[in-house]
N, C-alpha and C. Protein backbone atom coordinates (compact mmCIF):
# COMPACT_ATOMS: atom_id res chain seq x y z
N UNK A 1 26.96 -4.34 -66.38
CA UNK A 1 26.10 -4.81 -65.32
C UNK A 1 24.65 -4.75 -65.81
N UNK A 2 23.93 -5.86 -65.70
CA UNK A 2 22.54 -5.87 -66.12
C UNK A 2 21.64 -5.45 -64.97
N UNK A 3 20.59 -4.76 -65.31
CA UNK A 3 19.65 -4.29 -64.31
C UNK A 3 18.62 -5.38 -64.06
N UNK A 4 18.35 -5.69 -62.79
CA UNK A 4 17.36 -6.69 -62.45
C UNK A 4 15.97 -6.12 -62.65
N UNK A 5 15.05 -6.98 -63.05
CA UNK A 5 13.67 -6.56 -63.22
C UNK A 5 13.05 -6.27 -61.86
N UNK A 6 12.27 -5.22 -61.83
CA UNK A 6 11.55 -4.87 -60.62
C UNK A 6 10.10 -5.29 -60.80
N UNK A 7 9.55 -5.94 -59.79
CA UNK A 7 8.18 -6.43 -59.88
C UNK A 7 7.38 -6.02 -58.67
N UNK A 8 6.10 -5.87 -58.85
CA UNK A 8 5.18 -5.67 -57.74
C UNK A 8 4.34 -6.93 -57.67
N UNK A 9 4.37 -7.58 -56.52
CA UNK A 9 3.62 -8.82 -56.34
C UNK A 9 2.36 -8.51 -55.55
N UNK A 10 1.25 -8.86 -56.13
CA UNK A 10 -0.05 -8.64 -55.51
C UNK A 10 -0.85 -9.92 -55.66
N UNK A 11 -1.89 -10.10 -54.86
CA UNK A 11 -2.70 -11.31 -54.99
C UNK A 11 -3.24 -11.53 -56.40
N UNK A 12 -3.50 -10.43 -57.11
CA UNK A 12 -4.05 -10.57 -58.46
C UNK A 12 -2.98 -10.87 -59.52
N UNK A 13 -1.71 -10.92 -59.12
CA UNK A 13 -0.64 -11.26 -60.05
C UNK A 13 0.54 -10.32 -59.95
N UNK A 14 1.49 -10.50 -60.82
CA UNK A 14 2.71 -9.70 -60.83
C UNK A 14 2.53 -8.53 -61.79
N UNK A 15 2.83 -7.34 -61.32
CA UNK A 15 2.66 -6.12 -62.10
C UNK A 15 4.00 -5.45 -62.34
N UNK A 16 4.11 -4.71 -63.41
CA UNK A 16 5.28 -3.88 -63.63
C UNK A 16 5.10 -2.60 -62.81
N UNK A 17 6.12 -2.15 -62.11
CA UNK A 17 5.98 -0.96 -61.27
C UNK A 17 5.92 0.32 -62.10
N UNK A 18 5.27 1.33 -61.53
CA UNK A 18 5.25 2.65 -62.15
C UNK A 18 6.50 3.42 -61.79
N UNK A 19 7.05 3.11 -60.62
CA UNK A 19 8.29 3.76 -60.20
C UNK A 19 9.06 2.80 -59.31
N UNK A 20 10.36 3.03 -59.21
CA UNK A 20 11.18 2.16 -58.36
C UNK A 20 10.82 2.31 -56.89
N UNK A 21 10.22 3.42 -56.49
CA UNK A 21 9.89 3.65 -55.09
C UNK A 21 8.89 2.64 -54.56
N UNK A 22 8.00 2.13 -55.39
CA UNK A 22 6.99 1.19 -54.92
C UNK A 22 7.27 -0.22 -55.41
N UNK A 23 8.46 -0.44 -55.94
CA UNK A 23 8.78 -1.74 -56.53
C UNK A 23 9.20 -2.75 -55.48
N UNK A 24 9.11 -4.00 -55.86
CA UNK A 24 9.56 -5.10 -55.04
C UNK A 24 10.66 -5.79 -55.81
N UNK A 25 11.73 -6.14 -55.13
CA UNK A 25 12.88 -6.70 -55.80
C UNK A 25 12.83 -8.22 -55.78
N UNK A 26 12.88 -8.83 -56.96
CA UNK A 26 12.95 -10.28 -57.06
C UNK A 26 11.62 -10.96 -56.84
N UNK A 27 11.67 -12.29 -56.84
CA UNK A 27 10.43 -13.06 -56.75
C UNK A 27 9.94 -13.24 -55.32
N UNK A 28 10.81 -13.11 -54.34
CA UNK A 28 10.41 -13.24 -52.94
C UNK A 28 10.19 -11.85 -52.39
N UNK A 29 8.98 -11.35 -52.57
CA UNK A 29 8.74 -9.93 -52.34
C UNK A 29 8.53 -9.58 -50.89
N UNK A 30 8.90 -8.37 -50.59
CA UNK A 30 8.57 -7.70 -49.34
C UNK A 30 8.29 -6.26 -49.75
N UNK A 31 7.33 -5.62 -49.11
CA UNK A 31 7.08 -4.22 -49.45
C UNK A 31 8.36 -3.40 -49.26
N UNK A 32 8.72 -2.65 -50.27
CA UNK A 32 9.98 -1.91 -50.22
C UNK A 32 9.88 -0.62 -49.41
N UNK A 33 8.74 0.03 -49.43
CA UNK A 33 8.61 1.34 -48.79
C UNK A 33 8.73 1.22 -47.28
N UNK A 34 9.85 1.64 -46.74
CA UNK A 34 10.05 1.68 -45.32
C UNK A 34 10.46 0.39 -44.65
N UNK A 35 10.54 -0.69 -45.40
CA UNK A 35 10.91 -1.98 -44.81
C UNK A 35 12.38 -2.26 -45.07
N UNK A 36 13.11 -2.47 -43.99
CA UNK A 36 14.52 -2.87 -44.09
C UNK A 36 14.58 -4.38 -43.95
N UNK A 37 15.51 -5.00 -44.65
CA UNK A 37 15.64 -6.45 -44.64
C UNK A 37 17.09 -6.83 -44.45
N UNK A 38 17.33 -7.77 -43.53
CA UNK A 38 18.68 -8.28 -43.28
C UNK A 38 18.64 -9.78 -43.48
N UNK A 39 19.55 -10.30 -44.28
CA UNK A 39 19.62 -11.74 -44.48
C UNK A 39 20.25 -12.38 -43.24
N UNK A 40 19.60 -13.41 -42.72
CA UNK A 40 20.10 -14.08 -41.53
C UNK A 40 20.91 -15.31 -41.91
N UNK A 41 21.89 -15.61 -41.08
CA UNK A 41 22.71 -16.80 -41.27
C UNK A 41 22.12 -17.98 -40.51
N UNK A 42 21.04 -17.73 -39.77
CA UNK A 42 20.42 -18.74 -38.91
C UNK A 42 19.04 -19.12 -39.45
N UNK A 43 18.45 -20.15 -38.86
CA UNK A 43 17.07 -20.50 -39.16
C UNK A 43 16.14 -19.43 -38.59
N UNK A 44 14.87 -19.49 -38.97
CA UNK A 44 13.90 -18.55 -38.43
C UNK A 44 13.85 -18.67 -36.91
N UNK A 45 13.72 -19.90 -36.40
CA UNK A 45 13.60 -20.10 -34.96
C UNK A 45 14.85 -19.62 -34.22
N UNK A 46 16.02 -19.92 -34.75
CA UNK A 46 17.26 -19.48 -34.10
C UNK A 46 17.44 -17.97 -34.16
N UNK A 47 17.07 -17.37 -35.28
CA UNK A 47 17.16 -15.91 -35.40
C UNK A 47 16.22 -15.25 -34.40
N UNK A 48 15.00 -15.77 -34.30
CA UNK A 48 14.03 -15.22 -33.35
C UNK A 48 14.53 -15.38 -31.91
N UNK A 49 15.06 -16.55 -31.60
CA UNK A 49 15.57 -16.79 -30.24
C UNK A 49 16.74 -15.86 -29.92
N UNK A 50 17.64 -15.66 -30.89
CA UNK A 50 18.77 -14.75 -30.69
C UNK A 50 18.27 -13.33 -30.44
N UNK A 51 17.28 -12.91 -31.22
CA UNK A 51 16.76 -11.56 -31.07
C UNK A 51 16.11 -11.39 -29.69
N UNK A 52 15.31 -12.36 -29.28
CA UNK A 52 14.67 -12.28 -27.97
C UNK A 52 15.72 -12.20 -26.87
N UNK A 53 16.77 -13.01 -26.96
CA UNK A 53 17.85 -12.97 -25.97
C UNK A 53 18.53 -11.60 -25.94
N UNK A 54 18.85 -11.07 -27.12
CA UNK A 54 19.50 -9.76 -27.18
C UNK A 54 18.61 -8.66 -26.60
N UNK A 55 17.33 -8.69 -26.93
CA UNK A 55 16.41 -7.69 -26.41
C UNK A 55 16.28 -7.81 -24.89
N UNK A 56 16.12 -9.04 -24.41
CA UNK A 56 16.02 -9.25 -22.96
C UNK A 56 17.27 -8.75 -22.24
N UNK A 57 18.44 -9.01 -22.80
CA UNK A 57 19.70 -8.57 -22.18
C UNK A 57 19.81 -7.05 -22.11
N UNK A 58 19.12 -6.34 -23.00
CA UNK A 58 19.13 -4.88 -23.00
C UNK A 58 17.96 -4.30 -22.20
N UNK A 59 17.16 -5.19 -21.61
CA UNK A 59 16.02 -4.72 -20.82
C UNK A 59 14.85 -4.25 -21.66
N UNK A 60 14.80 -4.69 -22.90
CA UNK A 60 13.71 -4.31 -23.80
C UNK A 60 12.61 -5.37 -23.69
N UNK A 61 11.40 -4.92 -23.47
CA UNK A 61 10.27 -5.81 -23.22
C UNK A 61 9.81 -6.51 -24.50
N UNK A 62 9.56 -7.82 -24.38
CA UNK A 62 8.96 -8.60 -25.46
C UNK A 62 7.46 -8.63 -25.17
N UNK A 63 6.67 -7.99 -26.01
CA UNK A 63 5.23 -7.98 -25.83
C UNK A 63 4.60 -9.25 -26.38
N UNK A 64 5.16 -9.77 -27.48
CA UNK A 64 4.62 -11.00 -28.07
C UNK A 64 5.65 -11.61 -29.00
N UNK A 65 5.61 -12.92 -29.08
CA UNK A 65 6.38 -13.68 -30.07
C UNK A 65 5.37 -14.61 -30.73
N UNK A 66 5.06 -14.34 -31.98
CA UNK A 66 4.01 -15.06 -32.68
C UNK A 66 4.62 -15.97 -33.74
N UNK A 67 4.38 -17.26 -33.60
CA UNK A 67 4.80 -18.23 -34.60
C UNK A 67 3.66 -18.32 -35.62
N UNK A 68 3.78 -17.56 -36.68
CA UNK A 68 2.70 -17.47 -37.66
C UNK A 68 2.51 -18.76 -38.44
N UNK A 69 3.57 -19.53 -38.58
CA UNK A 69 3.45 -20.84 -39.23
C UNK A 69 2.56 -21.76 -38.39
N UNK A 70 2.80 -21.77 -37.08
CA UNK A 70 1.99 -22.61 -36.18
C UNK A 70 0.53 -22.17 -36.20
N UNK A 71 0.31 -20.86 -36.23
CA UNK A 71 -1.07 -20.36 -36.27
C UNK A 71 -1.75 -20.77 -37.57
N UNK A 72 -1.01 -20.74 -38.68
CA UNK A 72 -1.57 -21.19 -39.96
C UNK A 72 -1.92 -22.68 -39.90
N UNK A 73 -1.02 -23.47 -39.31
CA UNK A 73 -1.27 -24.90 -39.20
C UNK A 73 -2.52 -25.19 -38.36
N UNK A 74 -2.79 -24.36 -37.36
CA UNK A 74 -3.98 -24.55 -36.52
C UNK A 74 -5.28 -24.45 -37.31
N UNK A 75 -5.24 -23.73 -38.42
CA UNK A 75 -6.44 -23.60 -39.25
C UNK A 75 -6.30 -24.37 -40.57
N UNK A 76 -5.34 -25.30 -40.59
CA UNK A 76 -5.20 -26.18 -41.75
C UNK A 76 -4.51 -25.58 -42.95
N UNK A 77 -3.73 -24.52 -42.75
CA UNK A 77 -3.03 -23.88 -43.85
C UNK A 77 -1.52 -24.06 -43.70
N UNK A 78 -0.83 -24.02 -44.82
CA UNK A 78 0.62 -24.15 -44.82
C UNK A 78 1.26 -22.77 -44.96
N UNK A 79 2.36 -22.59 -44.25
CA UNK A 79 3.13 -21.35 -44.34
C UNK A 79 4.58 -21.70 -44.03
N UNK A 80 5.50 -21.12 -44.80
CA UNK A 80 6.92 -21.30 -44.49
C UNK A 80 7.19 -20.74 -43.09
N UNK A 81 8.29 -21.14 -42.46
CA UNK A 81 8.60 -20.61 -41.13
C UNK A 81 8.55 -19.08 -41.12
N UNK A 82 7.75 -18.54 -40.21
CA UNK A 82 7.53 -17.10 -40.12
C UNK A 82 7.22 -16.76 -38.67
N UNK A 83 8.01 -15.85 -38.08
CA UNK A 83 7.75 -15.41 -36.71
C UNK A 83 7.74 -13.89 -36.67
N UNK A 84 6.86 -13.38 -35.83
CA UNK A 84 6.77 -11.94 -35.60
C UNK A 84 7.05 -11.68 -34.13
N UNK A 85 7.99 -10.79 -33.87
CA UNK A 85 8.33 -10.42 -32.50
C UNK A 85 7.94 -8.95 -32.32
N UNK A 86 7.13 -8.71 -31.30
CA UNK A 86 6.67 -7.35 -30.98
C UNK A 86 7.37 -6.95 -29.69
N UNK A 87 8.10 -5.83 -29.73
CA UNK A 87 8.96 -5.47 -28.60
C UNK A 87 9.09 -3.96 -28.47
N UNK A 88 9.54 -3.53 -27.31
CA UNK A 88 9.77 -2.11 -27.12
C UNK A 88 10.16 -1.77 -25.70
N UNK A 89 10.46 -0.52 -25.51
CA UNK A 89 10.84 0.02 -24.21
C UNK A 89 9.92 1.19 -23.90
N UNK A 90 8.93 0.99 -23.02
CA UNK A 90 8.01 2.07 -22.72
C UNK A 90 8.69 3.36 -22.27
N UNK A 91 9.86 3.27 -21.63
CA UNK A 91 10.57 4.48 -21.20
C UNK A 91 11.01 5.31 -22.41
N UNK A 92 11.31 4.64 -23.51
CA UNK A 92 11.72 5.32 -24.73
C UNK A 92 10.51 5.69 -25.59
N UNK A 93 9.60 4.75 -25.74
CA UNK A 93 8.47 4.95 -26.65
C UNK A 93 7.42 5.92 -26.15
N UNK A 94 7.15 5.92 -24.85
CA UNK A 94 6.08 6.76 -24.32
C UNK A 94 6.31 8.25 -24.59
N UNK A 95 7.49 8.80 -24.30
CA UNK A 95 7.69 10.23 -24.61
C UNK A 95 7.58 10.53 -26.11
N UNK A 96 8.01 9.59 -26.94
CA UNK A 96 7.89 9.79 -28.38
C UNK A 96 6.43 9.80 -28.81
N UNK A 97 5.64 8.87 -28.27
CA UNK A 97 4.21 8.83 -28.61
C UNK A 97 3.49 10.06 -28.08
N UNK A 98 3.94 10.57 -26.95
CA UNK A 98 3.34 11.78 -26.40
C UNK A 98 3.59 12.97 -27.32
N UNK A 99 4.80 13.05 -27.86
CA UNK A 99 5.15 14.15 -28.76
C UNK A 99 4.61 13.95 -30.17
N UNK A 100 4.52 12.68 -30.61
CA UNK A 100 4.08 12.34 -31.96
C UNK A 100 3.03 11.23 -31.85
N UNK A 101 1.77 11.56 -31.56
CA UNK A 101 0.76 10.54 -31.28
C UNK A 101 0.59 9.49 -32.37
N UNK A 102 0.77 9.85 -33.64
CA UNK A 102 0.59 8.85 -34.70
C UNK A 102 1.64 7.75 -34.65
N UNK A 103 2.75 8.00 -33.96
CA UNK A 103 3.79 6.98 -33.82
C UNK A 103 3.26 5.73 -33.12
N UNK A 104 2.20 5.89 -32.33
CA UNK A 104 1.60 4.74 -31.65
C UNK A 104 1.08 3.70 -32.64
N UNK A 105 0.86 4.09 -33.89
CA UNK A 105 0.47 3.12 -34.92
C UNK A 105 1.60 2.12 -35.19
N UNK A 106 2.84 2.53 -34.97
CA UNK A 106 3.99 1.68 -35.28
C UNK A 106 4.74 1.21 -34.03
N UNK A 107 4.24 1.57 -32.86
CA UNK A 107 4.85 1.09 -31.62
C UNK A 107 3.85 0.20 -30.90
N UNK A 108 4.31 -0.84 -30.25
CA UNK A 108 5.69 -1.27 -30.13
C UNK A 108 6.28 -1.66 -31.50
N UNK A 109 7.60 -1.72 -31.50
CA UNK A 109 8.32 -2.11 -32.72
C UNK A 109 8.05 -3.58 -33.04
N UNK A 110 8.28 -3.93 -34.29
CA UNK A 110 8.07 -5.30 -34.73
C UNK A 110 9.25 -5.76 -35.57
N UNK A 111 9.55 -7.04 -35.44
CA UNK A 111 10.56 -7.69 -36.30
C UNK A 111 9.90 -8.92 -36.89
N UNK A 112 9.93 -9.02 -38.20
CA UNK A 112 9.40 -10.17 -38.91
C UNK A 112 10.58 -11.02 -39.38
N UNK A 113 10.54 -12.29 -39.05
CA UNK A 113 11.59 -13.22 -39.49
C UNK A 113 10.90 -14.31 -40.28
N UNK A 114 11.32 -14.48 -41.52
CA UNK A 114 10.64 -15.46 -42.37
C UNK A 114 11.64 -16.16 -43.29
N UNK A 115 11.23 -17.32 -43.76
CA UNK A 115 12.02 -18.09 -44.74
C UNK A 115 11.35 -17.90 -46.10
N UNK A 116 12.14 -17.51 -47.10
CA UNK A 116 11.58 -17.31 -48.42
C UNK A 116 11.52 -18.64 -49.18
N UNK A 117 11.05 -18.60 -50.42
CA UNK A 117 10.85 -19.82 -51.19
C UNK A 117 12.15 -20.53 -51.57
N UNK A 118 13.28 -19.85 -51.43
CA UNK A 118 14.58 -20.47 -51.73
C UNK A 118 15.26 -21.00 -50.48
N UNK A 119 14.63 -20.79 -49.31
CA UNK A 119 15.21 -21.25 -48.06
C UNK A 119 16.04 -20.20 -47.34
N UNK A 120 16.19 -19.01 -47.93
CA UNK A 120 16.90 -17.93 -47.24
C UNK A 120 16.01 -17.37 -46.13
N UNK A 121 16.65 -16.94 -45.05
CA UNK A 121 15.93 -16.38 -43.92
C UNK A 121 16.20 -14.88 -43.86
N UNK A 122 15.14 -14.12 -43.65
CA UNK A 122 15.21 -12.66 -43.63
C UNK A 122 14.62 -12.11 -42.34
N UNK A 123 15.25 -11.07 -41.82
CA UNK A 123 14.75 -10.34 -40.67
C UNK A 123 14.35 -8.96 -41.19
N UNK A 124 13.09 -8.61 -41.05
CA UNK A 124 12.55 -7.37 -41.60
C UNK A 124 11.99 -6.49 -40.49
N UNK A 125 12.03 -5.19 -40.74
CA UNK A 125 11.54 -4.22 -39.75
C UNK A 125 11.32 -2.89 -40.45
N UNK A 126 10.51 -2.04 -39.83
CA UNK A 126 10.35 -0.68 -40.34
C UNK A 126 11.64 0.08 -40.09
N UNK A 127 12.16 0.70 -41.13
CA UNK A 127 13.42 1.44 -40.96
C UNK A 127 13.19 2.67 -40.09
N UNK A 128 14.19 3.03 -39.27
CA UNK A 128 14.07 4.23 -38.46
C UNK A 128 13.82 5.49 -39.31
N UNK A 129 14.44 5.56 -40.47
CA UNK A 129 14.25 6.71 -41.36
C UNK A 129 12.79 6.81 -41.82
N UNK A 130 12.21 5.65 -42.13
CA UNK A 130 10.82 5.61 -42.55
C UNK A 130 9.90 6.08 -41.42
N UNK A 131 10.16 5.60 -40.20
CA UNK A 131 9.34 6.00 -39.07
C UNK A 131 9.43 7.51 -38.83
N UNK A 132 10.63 8.06 -38.96
CA UNK A 132 10.81 9.50 -38.79
C UNK A 132 10.03 10.27 -39.85
N UNK A 133 10.14 9.83 -41.09
CA UNK A 133 9.43 10.50 -42.19
C UNK A 133 7.92 10.35 -42.04
N UNK A 134 7.47 9.14 -41.74
CA UNK A 134 6.03 8.84 -41.66
C UNK A 134 5.34 9.67 -40.57
N UNK A 135 6.03 9.89 -39.47
CA UNK A 135 5.40 10.55 -38.33
C UNK A 135 5.93 11.96 -38.06
N UNK A 136 6.80 12.46 -38.93
CA UNK A 136 7.28 13.84 -38.81
C UNK A 136 8.22 14.06 -37.63
N UNK A 137 8.98 13.03 -37.26
CA UNK A 137 9.92 13.17 -36.15
C UNK A 137 11.09 14.07 -36.58
N UNK A 138 11.64 14.80 -35.63
CA UNK A 138 12.75 15.70 -35.95
C UNK A 138 14.10 14.99 -35.93
N UNK A 139 14.14 13.79 -35.34
CA UNK A 139 15.37 12.99 -35.34
C UNK A 139 15.01 11.56 -35.74
N UNK A 140 16.02 10.79 -36.10
CA UNK A 140 15.82 9.39 -36.49
C UNK A 140 15.77 8.55 -35.20
N UNK A 141 14.66 7.85 -34.96
CA UNK A 141 14.54 7.07 -33.72
C UNK A 141 15.08 5.65 -33.88
N UNK A 142 15.35 5.01 -32.77
CA UNK A 142 15.58 3.57 -32.69
C UNK A 142 16.79 3.05 -33.48
N UNK A 143 17.77 3.91 -33.74
CA UNK A 143 18.95 3.45 -34.49
C UNK A 143 19.71 2.36 -33.74
N UNK A 144 19.73 2.41 -32.43
CA UNK A 144 20.43 1.39 -31.65
C UNK A 144 19.75 0.03 -31.79
N UNK A 145 18.45 0.03 -31.99
CA UNK A 145 17.72 -1.23 -32.17
C UNK A 145 18.17 -1.93 -33.45
N UNK A 146 18.48 -1.18 -34.48
CA UNK A 146 18.95 -1.78 -35.73
C UNK A 146 20.20 -2.61 -35.48
N UNK A 147 21.09 -2.15 -34.63
CA UNK A 147 22.32 -2.91 -34.31
C UNK A 147 21.96 -4.26 -33.67
N UNK A 148 20.94 -4.27 -32.80
CA UNK A 148 20.50 -5.53 -32.19
C UNK A 148 19.92 -6.46 -33.24
N UNK A 149 19.15 -5.91 -34.17
CA UNK A 149 18.56 -6.72 -35.23
C UNK A 149 19.65 -7.31 -36.12
N UNK A 150 20.65 -6.50 -36.43
CA UNK A 150 21.78 -7.00 -37.23
C UNK A 150 22.52 -8.10 -36.50
N UNK A 151 22.71 -7.94 -35.20
CA UNK A 151 23.41 -8.96 -34.40
C UNK A 151 22.60 -10.26 -34.37
N UNK A 152 21.29 -10.15 -34.28
CA UNK A 152 20.45 -11.36 -34.25
C UNK A 152 20.54 -12.12 -35.56
N UNK A 153 20.68 -11.41 -36.67
CA UNK A 153 20.76 -12.06 -37.97
C UNK A 153 22.14 -12.64 -38.27
N UNK A 154 23.16 -12.15 -37.54
CA UNK A 154 24.54 -12.53 -37.80
C UNK A 154 24.95 -13.81 -37.28
C-alpha cells in the first residue's frame, strides 16, 4: 500500500507538513484539525435542503442558511456551490455555554456543504471530540447531531 502525500494548502502555495496533525489530505483541502467531513451522495443544494428538513423535524433551530456561491456572485466572483448552515438548540447549548463560556465561540453549530474541484460534495463540521478538547468539556457534546449530518449526506 502506497502512502498518499500530505499537503498543506495556503494562499502562498502548497507546503510540506511538519506533522500529520496539521496536514491536509489531497488537493481539495479542508483544515484537518477538528473538522469532520462526510461525502454526500447529493448535490450541495439537495444536501443542504435535506439537512434543514432533518433539523426542523427534530425541533432544532436554523439560525441562517447562507448560499456563499450566490454571495460571491453578488460581488462578481466565482465560487463552486457552497452553503453554510448555522443551527442549534438553545435548550441544549445555553447550559453548556454557561458551564463552558468559550464554547460560545463555536455555537451555534455550523455545517459547511461544498462541491470540490472534482465535483464531489462534502458536508463538514467541527467534530464533537474537537469541541470537547478545545473547550475542556468533561463529555463529548452533540454526538446525536452527527447522526443527522450523516443522514443528510446519505
